[in-house]
C-alpha atoms as a PDB file:
ATOM      1  CA  UNK A   1    -146.158 -25.054 180.564  1.00  0.00           C
ATOM      2  CA  UNK A   2    -144.428 -28.148 179.225  1.00  0.00           C
ATOM      3  CA  UNK A   3    -141.390 -27.454 177.059  1.00  0.00           C
ATOM      4  CA  UNK A   4    -141.373 -29.006 173.607  1.00  0.00           C
ATOM      5  CA  UNK A   5    -137.943 -29.813 172.126  1.00  0.00           C
ATOM      6  CA  UNK A   6    -138.190 -29.323 168.379  1.00  0.00           C
ATOM      7  CA  UNK A   7    -135.002 -31.230 167.554  1.00  0.00           C
ATOM      8  CA  UNK A   8    -132.047 -32.940 169.193  1.00  0.00           C
ATOM      9  CA  UNK A   9    -128.619 -32.644 167.543  1.00  0.00           C
ATOM     10  CA  UNK A  10    -125.941 -35.121 168.628  1.00  0.00           C
ATOM     11  CA  UNK A  11    -122.241 -34.468 168.312  1.00  0.00           C
ATOM     12  CA  UNK A  12    -120.005 -36.925 166.523  1.00  0.00           C
ATOM     13  CA  UNK A  13    -117.056 -38.211 168.513  1.00  0.00           C
ATOM     14  CA  UNK A  14    -114.558 -35.724 167.027  1.00  0.00           C
ATOM     15  CA  UNK A  15    -116.956 -32.843 167.749  1.00  0.00           C
ATOM     16  CA  UNK A  16    -117.425 -33.576 171.443  1.00  0.00           C
ATOM     17  CA  UNK A  17    -116.362 -30.896 173.874  1.00  0.00           C
ATOM     18  CA  UNK A  18    -112.982 -31.571 175.446  1.00  0.00           C
ATOM     19  CA  UNK A  19    -112.367 -28.066 176.754  1.00  0.00           C
ATOM     20  CA  UNK A  20    -110.277 -28.321 179.937  1.00  0.00           C
ATOM     21  CA  UNK A  21    -111.753 -26.599 182.988  1.00  0.00           C
ATOM     22  CA  UNK A  22    -110.276 -23.279 184.099  1.00  0.00           C
ATOM     23  CA  UNK A  23    -107.932 -23.974 186.991  1.00  0.00           C
ATOM     24  CA  UNK A  24    -108.063 -21.570 189.910  1.00  0.00           C
ATOM     25  CA  UNK A  25    -105.145 -21.845 192.373  1.00  0.00           C
ATOM     26  CA  UNK A  26    -106.438 -23.816 195.376  1.00  0.00           C
ATOM     27  CA  UNK A  27    -104.466 -21.660 197.817  1.00  0.00           C
ATOM     28  CA  UNK A  28    -106.383 -18.579 196.658  1.00  0.00           C
ATOM     29  CA  UNK A  29    -109.696 -20.412 196.905  1.00  0.00           C
ATOM     30  CA  UNK A  30    -108.931 -21.567 200.446  1.00  0.00           C
ATOM     31  CA  UNK A  31    -107.872 -18.062 201.462  1.00  0.00           C
ATOM     32  CA  UNK A  32    -111.168 -16.625 200.153  1.00  0.00           C
ATOM     33  CA  UNK A  33    -113.192 -19.345 201.889  1.00  0.00           C
ATOM     34  CA  UNK A  34    -111.396 -18.737 205.175  1.00  0.00           C
ATOM     35  CA  UNK A  35    -111.904 -14.981 204.940  1.00  0.00           C
ATOM     36  CA  UNK A  36    -115.616 -15.363 204.145  1.00  0.00           C
ATOM     37  CA  UNK A  37    -116.113 -17.736 207.055  1.00  0.00           C
ATOM     38  CA  UNK A  38    -114.367 -15.286 209.383  1.00  0.00           C
ATOM     39  CA  UNK A  39    -116.276 -12.304 207.997  1.00  0.00           C
ATOM     40  CA  UNK A  40    -119.602 -14.118 208.460  1.00  0.00           C
ATOM     41  CA  UNK A  41    -118.989 -13.909 212.214  1.00  0.00           C
ATOM     42  CA  UNK A  42    -117.624 -10.387 212.521  1.00  0.00           C
ATOM     43  CA  UNK A  43    -118.250  -8.276 209.367  1.00  0.00           C
ATOM     44  CA  UNK A  44    -120.744  -9.984 207.008  1.00  0.00           C
ATOM     45  CA  UNK A  45    -121.371  -6.804 204.986  1.00  0.00           C
ATOM     46  CA  UNK A  46    -117.709  -6.726 203.981  1.00  0.00           C
ATOM     47  CA  UNK A  47    -117.937 -10.407 203.096  1.00  0.00           C
ATOM     48  CA  UNK A  48    -120.954  -9.665 200.899  1.00  0.00           C
ATOM     49  CA  UNK A  49    -119.123  -6.891 199.045  1.00  0.00           C
ATOM     50  CA  UNK A  50    -116.136  -9.175 198.481  1.00  0.00           C
ATOM     51  CA  UNK A  51    -118.388 -11.976 197.204  1.00  0.00           C
ATOM     52  CA  UNK A  52    -120.098  -9.621 194.742  1.00  0.00           C
ATOM     53  CA  UNK A  53    -116.729  -8.308 193.612  1.00  0.00           C
ATOM     54  CA  UNK A  54    -115.547 -11.852 192.932  1.00  0.00           C
ATOM     55  CA  UNK A  55    -118.785 -12.600 191.092  1.00  0.00           C
ATOM     56  CA  UNK A  56    -118.379  -9.574 188.812  1.00  0.00           C
ATOM     57  CA  UNK A  57    -114.641  -9.868 188.105  1.00  0.00           C
ATOM     58  CA  UNK A  58    -113.539 -11.999 185.116  1.00  0.00           C
ATOM     59  CA  UNK A  59    -110.608 -14.244 186.008  1.00  0.00           C
ATOM     60  CA  UNK A  60    -108.879 -13.760 182.664  1.00  0.00           C
ATOM     61  CA  UNK A  61    -109.195 -12.119 179.238  1.00  0.00           C
ATOM     62  CA  UNK A  62    -109.667 -14.354 176.211  1.00  0.00           C
ATOM     63  CA  UNK A  63    -107.040 -13.990 173.487  1.00  0.00           C
ATOM     64  CA  UNK A  64    -106.533 -15.641 170.104  1.00  0.00           C
ATOM     65  CA  UNK A  65    -103.446 -17.848 169.916  1.00  0.00           C
ATOM     66  CA  UNK A  66    -103.363 -17.569 166.128  1.00  0.00           C
ATOM     67  CA  UNK A  67    -105.057 -15.614 163.373  1.00  0.00           C
ATOM     68  CA  UNK A  68    -107.247 -16.750 160.482  1.00  0.00           C
ATOM     69  CA  UNK A  69    -109.009 -15.308 157.427  1.00  0.00           C
ATOM     70  CA  UNK A  70    -111.966 -13.964 159.394  1.00  0.00           C
ATOM     71  CA  UNK A  71    -109.741 -12.224 161.925  1.00  0.00           C
ATOM     72  CA  UNK A  72    -107.662 -10.752 159.122  1.00  0.00           C
ATOM     73  CA  UNK A  73    -110.767  -9.484 157.298  1.00  0.00           C
ATOM     74  CA  UNK A  74    -112.491  -7.934 160.326  1.00  0.00           C
ATOM     75  CA  UNK A  75    -113.286  -4.221 160.419  1.00  0.00           C
ATOM     76  CA  UNK A  76    -112.338  -2.846 163.831  1.00  0.00           C
ATOM     77  CA  UNK A  77    -114.101   0.133 165.387  1.00  0.00           C
ATOM     78  CA  UNK A  78    -114.476   1.786 168.775  1.00  0.00           C
ATOM     79  CA  UNK A  79    -117.643   2.665 170.680  1.00  0.00           C
ATOM     80  CA  UNK A  80    -117.659   5.384 173.370  1.00  0.00           C
ATOM     81  CA  UNK A  81    -118.627   3.811 176.687  1.00  0.00           C
ATOM     82  CA  UNK A  82    -118.380   5.429 180.098  1.00  0.00           C
ATOM     83  CA  UNK A  83    -114.846   6.818 180.355  1.00  0.00           C
ATOM     84  CA  UNK A  84    -113.369   4.660 177.611  1.00  0.00           C
ATOM     85  CA  UNK A  85    -114.024   2.823 174.351  1.00  0.00           C
ATOM     86  CA  UNK A  86    -115.465  -0.637 173.734  1.00  0.00           C
ATOM     87  CA  UNK A  87    -113.671  -2.596 171.020  1.00  0.00           C
ATOM     88  CA  UNK A  88    -115.998  -3.490 168.154  1.00  0.00           C
ATOM     89  CA  UNK A  89    -115.689  -5.789 165.129  1.00  0.00           C
ATOM     90  CA  UNK A  90    -117.676  -6.012 161.906  1.00  0.00           C
ATOM     91  CA  UNK A  91    -117.902  -8.001 158.683  1.00  0.00           C
ATOM     92  CA  UNK A  92    -119.965  -6.926 155.688  1.00  0.00           C
ATOM     93  CA  UNK A  93    -121.221  -3.671 154.246  1.00  0.00           C
ATOM     94  CA  UNK A  94    -122.450  -0.759 156.340  1.00  0.00           C
ATOM     95  CA  UNK A  95    -126.123   0.027 155.946  1.00  0.00           C
ATOM     96  CA  UNK A  96    -127.212  -3.574 155.514  1.00  0.00           C
ATOM     97  CA  UNK A  97    -129.454  -5.266 158.103  1.00  0.00           C
ATOM     98  CA  UNK A  98    -127.230  -6.202 161.022  1.00  0.00           C
ATOM     99  CA  UNK A  99    -126.890  -9.307 163.164  1.00  0.00           C
ATOM    100  CA  UNK A 100    -125.368  -8.423 166.532  1.00  0.00           C
ATOM    101  CA  UNK A 101    -123.357 -11.164 168.274  1.00  0.00           C
ATOM    102  CA  UNK A 102    -123.002 -10.979 172.076  1.00  0.00           C
ATOM    103  CA  UNK A 103    -120.346 -13.148 173.728  1.00  0.00           C
ATOM    104  CA  UNK A 104    -120.345 -14.759 177.161  1.00  0.00           C
ATOM    105  CA  UNK A 105    -118.366 -14.464 180.386  1.00  0.00           C
ATOM    106  CA  UNK A 106    -114.568 -14.454 180.012  1.00  0.00           C
ATOM    107  CA  UNK A 107    -114.899 -14.675 176.228  1.00  0.00           C
ATOM    108  CA  UNK A 108    -114.633 -12.026 173.486  1.00  0.00           C
ATOM    109  CA  UNK A 109    -116.618 -10.913 170.464  1.00  0.00           C
ATOM    110  CA  UNK A 110    -114.439 -12.545 167.822  1.00  0.00           C
ATOM    111  CA  UNK A 111    -114.850 -15.919 169.559  1.00  0.00           C
ATOM    112  CA  UNK A 112    -118.255 -16.021 167.815  1.00  0.00           C
ATOM    113  CA  UNK A 113    -116.804 -15.555 164.342  1.00  0.00           C
ATOM    114  CA  UNK A 114    -117.732 -19.116 163.311  1.00  0.00           C
ATOM    115  CA  UNK A 115    -121.240 -17.721 162.705  1.00  0.00           C
ATOM    116  CA  UNK A 116    -120.020 -15.048 160.304  1.00  0.00           C
ATOM    117  CA  UNK A 117    -119.704 -16.868 156.931  1.00  0.00           C
ATOM    118  CA  UNK A 118    -123.255 -18.253 156.941  1.00  0.00           C
ATOM    119  CA  UNK A 119    -124.780 -14.933 157.943  1.00  0.00           C
ATOM    120  CA  UNK A 120    -122.682 -12.975 155.450  1.00  0.00           C
ATOM    121  CA  UNK A 121    -123.915 -15.301 152.711  1.00  0.00           C
ATOM    122  CA  UNK A 122    -127.470 -14.217 153.544  1.00  0.00           C
ATOM    123  CA  UNK A 123    -126.629 -10.568 152.969  1.00  0.00           C
ATOM    124  CA  UNK A 124    -126.260  -9.373 156.541  1.00  0.00           C
ATOM    125  CA  UNK A 125    -123.669  -7.225 158.197  1.00  0.00           C
ATOM    126  CA  UNK A 126    -122.320  -8.979 161.302  1.00  0.00           C
ATOM    127  CA  UNK A 127    -121.204  -6.958 164.285  1.00  0.00           C
ATOM    128  CA  UNK A 128    -119.761  -8.020 167.614  1.00  0.00           C
ATOM    129  CA  UNK A 129    -117.709  -6.434 170.387  1.00  0.00           C
ATOM    130  CA  UNK A 130    -115.677  -7.097 173.501  1.00  0.00           C
ATOM    131  CA  UNK A 131    -117.885  -6.466 176.515  1.00  0.00           C
ATOM    132  CA  UNK A 132    -116.776  -4.317 179.451  1.00  0.00           C
ATOM    133  CA  UNK A 133    -113.806  -5.912 181.257  1.00  0.00           C
ATOM    134  CA  UNK A 134    -113.453  -8.451 178.426  1.00  0.00           C
ATOM    135  CA  UNK A 135    -111.157  -8.878 175.432  1.00  0.00           C
ATOM    136  CA  UNK A 136    -109.623  -5.586 174.326  1.00  0.00           C
ATOM    137  CA  UNK A 137    -112.215  -3.415 176.069  1.00  0.00           C
ATOM    138  CA  UNK A 138    -111.313  -1.592 179.301  1.00  0.00           C
ATOM    139  CA  UNK A 139    -112.485  -2.313 182.817  1.00  0.00           C
ATOM    140  CA  UNK A 140    -111.911  -4.846 185.563  1.00  0.00           C
ATOM    141  CA  UNK A 141    -115.471  -5.608 186.648  1.00  0.00           C
ATOM    142  CA  UNK A 142    -118.856  -5.886 184.975  1.00  0.00           C
ATOM    143  CA  UNK A 143    -122.366  -7.114 185.752  1.00  0.00           C
ATOM    144  CA  UNK A 144    -125.728  -7.668 184.045  1.00  0.00           C
ATOM    145  CA  UNK A 145    -126.538  -3.966 183.847  1.00  0.00           C
ATOM    146  CA  UNK A 146    -123.075  -2.817 182.808  1.00  0.00           C
ATOM    147  CA  UNK A 147    -122.660  -5.523 180.151  1.00  0.00           C
ATOM    148  CA  UNK A 148    -126.182  -4.878 178.891  1.00  0.00           C
ATOM    149  CA  UNK A 149    -125.394  -1.184 178.574  1.00  0.00           C
ATOM    150  CA  UNK A 150    -122.430  -2.221 176.444  1.00  0.00           C
ATOM    151  CA  UNK A 151    -124.810  -4.099 174.136  1.00  0.00           C
ATOM    152  CA  UNK A 152    -126.991  -0.987 173.949  1.00  0.00           C
ATOM    153  CA  UNK A 153    -124.011   1.278 173.193  1.00  0.00           C
ATOM    154  CA  UNK A 154    -122.847  -0.909 170.293  1.00  0.00           C
ATOM    155  CA  UNK A 155    -126.412  -1.247 169.002  1.00  0.00           C
ATOM    156  CA  UNK A 156    -126.819   2.527 168.945  1.00  0.00           C
ATOM    157  CA  UNK A 157    -123.419   3.027 167.332  1.00  0.00           C
ATOM    158  CA  UNK A 158    -123.869   0.656 164.381  1.00  0.00           C
ATOM    159  CA  UNK A 159    -127.639   0.915 163.847  1.00  0.00           C
ATOM    160  CA  UNK A 160    -129.792  -1.325 161.614  1.00  0.00           C
ATOM    161  CA  UNK A 161    -129.740  -4.186 164.179  1.00  0.00           C
ATOM    162  CA  UNK A 162    -132.393  -6.668 163.053  1.00  0.00           C
ATOM    163  CA  UNK A 163    -131.343  -9.913 164.763  1.00  0.00           C
ATOM    164  CA  UNK A 164    -129.188 -10.866 167.742  1.00  0.00           C
ATOM    165  CA  UNK A 165    -127.301 -14.005 168.768  1.00  0.00           C
ATOM    166  CA  UNK A 166    -126.094 -14.263 172.373  1.00  0.00           C
ATOM    167  CA  UNK A 167    -124.044 -16.891 174.168  1.00  0.00           C
ATOM    168  CA  UNK A 168    -124.028 -17.749 177.880  1.00  0.00           C
ATOM    169  CA  UNK A 169    -123.810 -14.597 180.062  1.00  0.00           C
ATOM    170  CA  UNK A 170    -124.603 -12.514 176.978  1.00  0.00           C
ATOM    171  CA  UNK A 171    -128.175 -13.848 177.103  1.00  0.00           C
ATOM    172  CA  UNK A 172    -129.334 -12.483 180.480  1.00  0.00           C
ATOM    173  CA  UNK A 173    -127.310  -9.292 179.995  1.00  0.00           C
ATOM    174  CA  UNK A 174    -129.079  -8.651 176.683  1.00  0.00           C
ATOM    175  CA  UNK A 175    -132.535  -9.318 178.147  1.00  0.00           C
ATOM    176  CA  UNK A 176    -131.763  -7.157 181.174  1.00  0.00           C
ATOM    177  CA  UNK A 177    -131.061  -4.288 178.771  1.00  0.00           C
ATOM    178  CA  UNK A 178    -133.990  -4.944 176.405  1.00  0.00           C
ATOM    179  CA  UNK A 179    -136.463  -5.049 179.288  1.00  0.00           C
ATOM    180  CA  UNK A 180    -135.508  -1.452 180.059  1.00  0.00           C
ATOM    181  CA  UNK A 181    -135.507  -0.337 176.446  1.00  0.00           C
ATOM    182  CA  UNK A 182    -138.725  -1.644 174.809  1.00  0.00           C
ATOM    183  CA  UNK A 183    -138.179   0.745 171.888  1.00  0.00           C
ATOM    184  CA  UNK A 184    -135.320  -1.532 170.772  1.00  0.00           C
ATOM    185  CA  UNK A 185    -136.932  -4.250 168.640  1.00  0.00           C
ATOM    186  CA  UNK A 186    -135.624  -7.505 167.187  1.00  0.00           C
ATOM    187  CA  UNK A 187    -137.131  -9.809 164.589  1.00  0.00           C
ATOM    188  CA  UNK A 188    -135.117 -12.856 165.647  1.00  0.00           C
ATOM    189  CA  UNK A 189    -133.078 -13.569 168.763  1.00  0.00           C
ATOM    190  CA  UNK A 190    -130.962 -16.668 169.467  1.00  0.00           C
ATOM    191  CA  UNK A 191    -129.889 -17.786 172.932  1.00  0.00           C
ATOM    192  CA  UNK A 192    -127.095 -20.378 173.055  1.00  0.00           C
ATOM    193  CA  UNK A 193    -126.127 -21.912 176.418  1.00  0.00           C
ATOM    194  CA  UNK A 194    -127.936 -19.088 178.184  1.00  0.00           C
ATOM    195  CA  UNK A 195    -128.553 -18.824 181.893  1.00  0.00           C
ATOM    196  CA  UNK A 196    -132.132 -17.910 182.773  1.00  0.00           C
ATOM    197  CA  UNK A 197    -131.648 -17.041 186.413  1.00  0.00           C
ATOM    198  CA  UNK A 198    -129.413 -14.795 188.524  1.00  0.00           C
ATOM    199  CA  UNK A 199    -130.522 -16.890 191.493  1.00  0.00           C
ATOM    200  CA  UNK A 200    -128.963 -19.923 189.795  1.00  0.00           C
ATOM    201  CA  UNK A 201    -125.758 -18.011 189.015  1.00  0.00           C
ATOM    202  CA  UNK A 202    -125.411 -16.813 192.604  1.00  0.00           C
ATOM    203  CA  UNK A 203    -125.987 -20.391 193.718  1.00  0.00           C
ATOM    204  CA  UNK A 204    -123.008 -21.409 191.599  1.00  0.00           C
ATOM    205  CA  UNK A 205    -120.932 -18.726 193.343  1.00  0.00           C
ATOM    206  CA  UNK A 206    -122.046 -19.986 196.751  1.00  0.00           C
ATOM    207  CA  UNK A 207    -121.041 -23.519 195.838  1.00  0.00           C
ATOM    208  CA  UNK A 208    -117.706 -22.531 194.266  1.00  0.00           C
ATOM    209  CA  UNK A 209    -116.342 -20.627 197.263  1.00  0.00           C
ATOM    210  CA  UNK A 210    -118.619 -21.919 200.038  1.00  0.00           C
ATOM    211  CA  UNK A 211    -120.206 -18.549 200.821  1.00  0.00           C
ATOM    212  CA  UNK A 212    -121.864 -18.594 204.263  1.00  0.00           C
ATOM    213  CA  UNK A 213    -125.655 -18.247 204.335  1.00  0.00           C
ATOM    214  CA  UNK A 214    -125.756 -14.888 206.132  1.00  0.00           C
ATOM    215  CA  UNK A 215    -123.337 -13.412 203.598  1.00  0.00           C
ATOM    216  CA  UNK A 216    -125.376 -14.735 200.644  1.00  0.00           C
ATOM    217  CA  UNK A 217    -128.455 -13.081 202.127  1.00  0.00           C
ATOM    218  CA  UNK A 218    -126.579  -9.786 202.211  1.00  0.00           C
ATOM    219  CA  UNK A 219    -125.335 -10.315 198.645  1.00  0.00           C
ATOM    220  CA  UNK A 220    -128.949 -10.684 197.542  1.00  0.00           C
ATOM    221  CA  UNK A 221    -129.913  -7.484 199.383  1.00  0.00           C
ATOM    222  CA  UNK A 222    -126.934  -5.658 197.876  1.00  0.00           C
ATOM    223  CA  UNK A 223    -127.865  -6.737 194.330  1.00  0.00           C
ATOM    224  CA  UNK A 224    -131.546  -5.903 194.712  1.00  0.00           C
ATOM    225  CA  UNK A 225    -130.686  -2.455 196.022  1.00  0.00           C
ATOM    226  CA  UNK A 226    -128.205  -1.898 193.190  1.00  0.00           C
ATOM    227  CA  UNK A 227    -130.684  -2.857 190.457  1.00  0.00           C
ATOM    228  CA  UNK A 228    -133.859  -1.632 192.210  1.00  0.00           C
ATOM    229  CA  UNK A 229    -135.645  -4.956 191.679  1.00  0.00           C
ATOM    230  CA  UNK A 230    -135.810  -8.416 193.194  1.00  0.00           C
ATOM    231  CA  UNK A 231    -133.485 -11.226 192.151  1.00  0.00           C
ATOM    232  CA  UNK A 232    -136.483 -13.143 190.823  1.00  0.00           C
ATOM    233  CA  UNK A 233    -137.575 -10.234 188.620  1.00  0.00           C
ATOM    234  CA  UNK A 234    -134.220 -10.402 186.830  1.00  0.00           C
ATOM    235  CA  UNK A 235    -134.893 -13.889 185.472  1.00  0.00           C
ATOM    236  CA  UNK A 236    -135.070 -14.186 181.666  1.00  0.00           C
ATOM    237  CA  UNK A 237    -138.035 -16.509 182.098  1.00  0.00           C
ATOM    238  CA  UNK A 238    -140.014 -13.645 183.618  1.00  0.00           C
ATOM    239  CA  UNK A 239    -139.014 -10.986 181.099  1.00  0.00           C
ATOM    240  CA  UNK A 240    -140.781 -12.175 177.950  1.00  0.00           C
ATOM    241  CA  UNK A 241    -143.569  -9.602 178.221  1.00  0.00           C
ATOM    242  CA  UNK A 242    -141.093  -6.763 178.760  1.00  0.00           C
ATOM    243  CA  UNK A 243    -139.036  -7.054 175.571  1.00  0.00           C
ATOM    244  CA  UNK A 244    -139.792  -6.374 171.918  1.00  0.00           C
ATOM    245  CA  UNK A 245    -138.688  -9.616 170.239  1.00  0.00           C
ATOM    246  CA  UNK A 246    -140.803 -11.441 167.661  1.00  0.00           C
ATOM    247  CA  UNK A 247    -139.182 -14.899 167.688  1.00  0.00           C
ATOM    248  CA  UNK A 248    -136.697 -16.653 169.964  1.00  0.00           C
ATOM    249  CA  UNK A 249    -134.539 -19.704 169.257  1.00  0.00           C
ATOM    250  CA  UNK A 250    -133.032 -21.406 172.317  1.00  0.00           C
ATOM    251  CA  UNK A 251    -130.151 -23.845 171.753  1.00  0.00           C
ATOM    252  CA  UNK A 252    -128.615 -25.693 174.685  1.00  0.00           C
ATOM    253  CA  UNK A 253    -126.576 -28.830 175.251  1.00  0.00           C
ATOM    254  CA  UNK A 254    -127.881 -31.497 177.611  1.00  0.00           C
ATOM    255  CA  UNK A 255    -124.307 -32.109 178.782  1.00  0.00           C
ATOM    256  CA  UNK A 256    -123.550 -28.436 179.489  1.00  0.00           C
ATOM    257  CA  UNK A 257    -121.593 -28.432 182.762  1.00  0.00           C
ATOM    258  CA  UNK A 258    -121.600 -24.639 183.106  1.00  0.00           C
ATOM    259  CA  UNK A 259    -125.309 -23.845 182.700  1.00  0.00           C
ATOM    260  CA  UNK A 260    -127.756 -26.707 183.255  1.00  0.00           C
ATOM    261  CA  UNK A 261    -130.103 -27.667 180.406  1.00  0.00           C
ATOM    262  CA  UNK A 262    -133.075 -26.960 182.669  1.00  0.00           C
ATOM    263  CA  UNK A 263    -132.341 -23.253 182.345  1.00  0.00           C
ATOM    264  CA  UNK A 264    -133.056 -23.468 178.592  1.00  0.00           C
ATOM    265  CA  UNK A 265    -136.301 -25.310 179.280  1.00  0.00           C
ATOM    266  CA  UNK A 266    -137.377 -22.535 181.637  1.00  0.00           C
ATOM    267  CA  UNK A 267    -136.731 -19.870 179.006  1.00  0.00           C
ATOM    268  CA  UNK A 268    -138.428 -21.708 176.163  1.00  0.00           C
ATOM    269  CA  UNK A 269    -141.466 -22.578 178.275  1.00  0.00           C
ATOM    270  CA  UNK A 270    -142.077 -18.983 179.322  1.00  0.00           C
ATOM    271  CA  UNK A 271    -141.474 -17.117 176.061  1.00  0.00           C
ATOM    272  CA  UNK A 272    -144.093 -16.964 173.300  1.00  0.00           C
ATOM    273  CA  UNK A 273    -142.884 -17.934 169.833  1.00  0.00           C
ATOM    274  CA  UNK A 274    -139.868 -19.722 171.311  1.00  0.00           C
ATOM    275  CA  UNK A 275    -138.278 -22.814 169.770  1.00  0.00           C
ATOM    276  CA  UNK A 276    -135.955 -25.092 171.750  1.00  0.00           C
ATOM    277  CA  UNK A 277    -133.258 -27.180 170.077  1.00  0.00           C
ATOM    278  CA  UNK A 278    -131.367 -29.614 172.294  1.00  0.00           C
ATOM    279  CA  UNK A 279    -127.870 -30.847 171.539  1.00  0.00           C
ATOM    280  CA  UNK A 280    -125.792 -33.621 173.055  1.00  0.00           C
ATOM    281  CA  UNK A 281    -122.000 -33.727 173.323  1.00  0.00           C
ATOM    282  CA  UNK A 282    -121.055 -30.150 172.404  1.00  0.00           C
ATOM    283  CA  UNK A 283    -121.045 -28.874 175.969  1.00  0.00           C
ATOM    284  CA  UNK A 284    -120.981 -25.184 176.798  1.00  0.00           C
ATOM    285  CA  UNK A 285    -118.078 -23.950 174.687  1.00  0.00           C
ATOM    286  CA  UNK A 286    -118.152 -25.940 171.452  1.00  0.00           C
ATOM    287  CA  UNK A 287    -121.852 -25.475 170.777  1.00  0.00           C
ATOM    288  CA  UNK A 288    -121.437 -22.487 168.448  1.00  0.00           C
ATOM    289  CA  UNK A 289    -118.577 -24.136 166.583  1.00  0.00           C
ATOM    290  CA  UNK A 290    -120.746 -26.984 165.297  1.00  0.00           C
ATOM    291  CA  UNK A 291    -121.534 -26.657 161.555  1.00  0.00           C
ATOM    292  CA  UNK A 292    -124.995 -28.164 162.012  1.00  0.00           C
ATOM    293  CA  UNK A 293    -125.830 -25.795 164.886  1.00  0.00           C
ATOM    294  CA  UNK A 294    -124.592 -22.854 162.832  1.00  0.00           C
ATOM    295  CA  UNK A 295    -126.748 -24.083 159.960  1.00  0.00           C
ATOM    296  CA  UNK A 296    -129.843 -24.111 162.204  1.00  0.00           C
ATOM    297  CA  UNK A 297    -129.118 -20.592 163.453  1.00  0.00           C
ATOM    298  CA  UNK A 298    -128.600 -19.270 159.917  1.00  0.00           C
ATOM    299  CA  UNK A 299    -131.842 -20.928 158.753  1.00  0.00           C
ATOM    300  CA  UNK A 300    -133.747 -19.409 161.680  1.00  0.00           C
ATOM    301  CA  UNK A 301    -132.397 -15.940 161.021  1.00  0.00           C
ATOM    302  CA  UNK A 302    -132.506 -16.191 157.247  1.00  0.00           C
END
């Protein structure tokens, strides 16, 4: 099916993404590459476990360098999860229809607070949280299932969830959870900078640390055994008929250097009642800070 782009939003010069890339010490990268190459000859299963561990371990925890009115006004709460508590945040009155915000990899819930004013003005309660191993929530590792279970735990704790906005890794994690819980229904769902494919994500891992082919094959086997399904079955693009969502808005930047724009096209083409908005110049991280993008999301939800 051919993807139809409903609108293209272009960033002005001062809005363009200038986020510096995360720098990983080259010595560490070379040590990992050398170990994986060695393990591919002698102990590939160990190399596969190490690769998966690297893939599921955030490099750092996002923190706010300064406060603002929204951070000062937030209502903090805790959600029981496994052996600890997820850190939750809310704005607005309890009991009102809720919009749940789901952050991406190495981010945190309050990083999405730019969406709050517009949604509050429409009478919603806005809830977000720090996913497992992110922000102020405990843990050192997380994956699609674990993060998705975090979404489910917060959903069950706050109730009244009517709409959901997810960014980046939060998109596949949310779908992974919804596909296993069809009783959880949404009127509107927004995917911003979302990755459609675990195959694509593992390909990025292979490229980043030069994982040998025989180890990547074992990583795939390890993941499929862990989740009791094939890698391909985990794709968002193949999950549309498994989730209870009425309408989907996909927003993605053509210059996104973290998740290629083609991933958004795959999602929009495969989901019924999906709308795709393309942007140019916001990149992966500034997309949800753009007033015009926020306006489109609020109009879609409202």
